[in-house]
Amino acid sequence: MSDTLDVLVGGGAGAPEKLLLIERPTSDGRVRVRSWTSDDWSAAPTPTECSASGLLSEIERAVREGRALNHELTVVTRWLAPGGY
């Protein structure tokens, strides 16, 4: 089983495509993410750490705005849930 989930969020409304490489959430609900955008795919990734629930909210908002994902939203939800899969 992989230790990361790659999520490609489609561009929209002037926003670039975004690739997120999401690690499994920690026991306290934090998740480390490396991200790239279509503005410069060759750039070094931007590392961040955030709450799993906050990241899920951000991805759900992108879907509501009509942006495509490379996975079903349920896959991302299960990955970010406590205990993940």
C-alpha atoms as a PDB file:
ATOM      1  CA  MET A   1       0.000   0.000   0.000  1.00  0.00           C
ATOM      2  CA  SER A   2       1.296   3.450  -0.911  1.00  0.00           C
ATOM      3  CA  ASP A   3       2.227   6.074   1.659  1.00  0.00           C
ATOM      4  CA  THR A   4       1.039   8.932  -0.560  1.00  0.00           C
ATOM      5  CA  LEU A   5      -1.996   9.799  -2.636  1.00  0.00           C
ATOM      6  CA  ASP A   6      -1.527  11.912  -5.750  1.00  0.00           C
ATOM      7  CA  VAL A   7      -4.436  14.251  -6.388  1.00  0.00           C
ATOM      8  CA  LEU A   8      -4.619  16.372  -9.528  1.00  0.00           C
ATOM      9  CA  VAL A   9      -7.063  19.252  -9.199  1.00  0.00           C
ATOM     10  CA  GLY A  10      -8.078  20.688 -12.548  1.00  0.00           C
ATOM     11  CA  GLY A  11      -7.723  24.360 -13.280  1.00  0.00           C
ATOM     12  CA  GLY A  12     -10.655  26.708 -13.400  1.00  0.00           C
ATOM     13  CA  ALA A  13     -11.705  30.352 -13.120  1.00  0.00           C
ATOM     14  CA  GLY A  14      -8.159  31.494 -13.751  1.00  0.00           C
ATOM     15  CA  ALA A  15      -6.656  29.069 -11.212  1.00  0.00           C
ATOM     16  CA  PRO A  16      -3.925  26.722 -12.467  1.00  0.00           C
ATOM     17  CA  GLU A  17      -4.045  22.948 -12.253  1.00  0.00           C
ATOM     18  CA  LYS A  18      -2.580  21.721  -8.984  1.00  0.00           C
ATOM     19  CA  LEU A  19      -0.892  18.418  -8.173  1.00  0.00           C
ATOM     20  CA  LEU A  20      -0.974  17.402  -4.506  1.00  0.00           C
ATOM     21  CA  LEU A  21       1.129  14.557  -3.157  1.00  0.00           C
ATOM     22  CA  ILE A  22      -0.615  13.812   0.150  1.00  0.00           C
ATOM     23  CA  GLU A  23       0.971  11.681   2.870  1.00  0.00           C
ATOM     24  CA  ARG A  24      -1.123   9.587   5.238  1.00  0.00           C
ATOM     25  CA  PRO A  25      -2.569  11.649   8.081  1.00  0.00           C
ATOM     26  CA  THR A  26      -0.848  11.421  11.456  1.00  0.00           C
ATOM     27  CA  SER A  27      -2.690  10.233  14.554  1.00  0.00           C
ATOM     28  CA  ASP A  28      -3.473  13.859  15.458  1.00  0.00           C
ATOM     29  CA  GLY A  29      -5.105  14.541  12.068  1.00  0.00           C
ATOM     30  CA  ARG A  30      -2.242  16.460  10.446  1.00  0.00           C
ATOM     31  CA  VAL A  31      -1.117  15.769   6.898  1.00  0.00           C
ATOM     32  CA  ARG A  32       2.024  16.717   4.981  1.00  0.00           C
ATOM     33  CA  VAL A  33       1.534  17.764   1.379  1.00  0.00           C
ATOM     34  CA  ARG A  34       3.890  18.576  -1.469  1.00  0.00           C
ATOM     35  CA  SER A  35       2.294  20.577  -4.263  1.00  0.00           C
ATOM     36  CA  TRP A  36       3.035  21.811  -7.750  1.00  0.00           C
ATOM     37  CA  THR A  37       0.990  23.974 -10.129  1.00  0.00           C
ATOM     38  CA  SER A  38       0.721  24.108 -13.896  1.00  0.00           C
ATOM     39  CA  ASP A  39       2.279  27.569 -13.708  1.00  0.00           C
ATOM     40  CA  ASP A  40       5.629  25.724 -13.438  1.00  0.00           C
ATOM     41  CA  TRP A  41       5.549  21.918 -13.241  1.00  0.00           C
ATOM     42  CA  SER A  42       9.364  21.831 -13.177  1.00  0.00           C
ATOM     43  CA  ALA A  43       9.632  23.944 -10.014  1.00  0.00           C
ATOM     44  CA  ALA A  44      10.486  22.373  -6.677  1.00  0.00           C
ATOM     45  CA  PRO A  45       7.370  21.278  -4.795  1.00  0.00           C
ATOM     46  CA  THR A  46       5.886  23.508  -2.132  1.00  0.00           C
ATOM     47  CA  PRO A  47       5.830  21.564   1.148  1.00  0.00           C
ATOM     48  CA  THR A  48       3.048  22.286   3.642  1.00  0.00           C
ATOM     49  CA  GLU A  49       1.477  20.712   6.691  1.00  0.00           C
ATOM     50  CA  CYS A  50      -2.176  21.217   7.510  1.00  0.00           C
ATOM     51  CA  SER A  51      -5.153  19.528   9.090  1.00  0.00           C
ATOM     52  CA  ALA A  52      -6.602  16.671   7.072  1.00  0.00           C
ATOM     53  CA  SER A  53     -10.080  18.133   7.516  1.00  0.00           C
ATOM     54  CA  GLY A  54      -8.938  21.538   6.256  1.00  0.00           C
ATOM     55  CA  LEU A  55      -7.343  20.005   3.174  1.00  0.00           C
ATOM     56  CA  LEU A  56     -10.480  17.969   2.486  1.00  0.00           C
ATOM     57  CA  SER A  57     -12.577  21.145   2.733  1.00  0.00           C
ATOM     58  CA  GLU A  58     -10.281  22.846   0.216  1.00  0.00           C
ATOM     59  CA  ILE A  59     -10.582  19.929  -2.225  1.00  0.00           C
ATOM     60  CA  GLU A  60     -14.374  19.727  -1.767  1.00  0.00           C
ATOM     61  CA  ARG A  61     -14.613  23.465  -2.498  1.00  0.00           C
ATOM     62  CA  ALA A  62     -12.635  22.981  -5.730  1.00  0.00           C
ATOM     63  CA  VAL A  63     -15.055  20.217  -6.785  1.00  0.00           C
ATOM     64  CA  ARG A  64     -18.067  22.433  -6.008  1.00  0.00           C
ATOM     65  CA  GLU A  65     -16.468  25.086  -8.240  1.00  0.00           C
ATOM     66  CA  GLY A  66     -16.496  22.555 -11.078  1.00  0.00           C
ATOM     67  CA  ARG A  67     -12.812  21.639 -11.004  1.00  0.00           C
ATOM     68  CA  ALA A  68     -12.018  18.033 -11.953  1.00  0.00           C
ATOM     69  CA  LEU A  69     -10.126  15.493  -9.829  1.00  0.00           C
ATOM     70  CA  ASN A  70      -8.155  12.471 -11.008  1.00  0.00           C
ATOM     71  CA  HIS A  71      -9.828  10.395  -8.245  1.00  0.00           C
ATOM     72  CA  GLU A  72     -13.404  10.131  -7.047  1.00  0.00           C
ATOM     73  CA  LEU A  73     -13.945  12.477  -4.105  1.00  0.00           C
ATOM     74  CA  THR A  74     -14.773   9.436  -1.938  1.00  0.00           C
ATOM     75  CA  VAL A  75     -11.214   8.127  -2.476  1.00  0.00           C
ATOM     76  CA  VAL A  76      -9.762  11.408  -1.188  1.00  0.00           C
ATOM     77  CA  THR A  77     -12.245  11.471   1.713  1.00  0.00           C
ATOM     78  CA  ARG A  78     -11.281   7.947   2.801  1.00  0.00           C
ATOM     79  CA  TRP A  79      -7.566   8.763   2.515  1.00  0.00           C
ATOM     80  CA  LEU A  80      -7.914  11.816   4.741  1.00  0.00           C
ATOM     81  CA  ALA A  81     -10.275  10.189   7.264  1.00  0.00           C
ATOM     82  CA  PRO A  82      -8.919   9.215  10.681  1.00  0.00           C
ATOM     83  CA  GLY A  83      -7.365   5.782  10.225  1.00  0.00           C
ATOM     84  CA  GLY A  84      -7.395   6.258   6.428  1.00  0.00           C
ATOM     85  CA  TYR A  85      -7.255   3.249   4.159  1.00  0.00           C
END
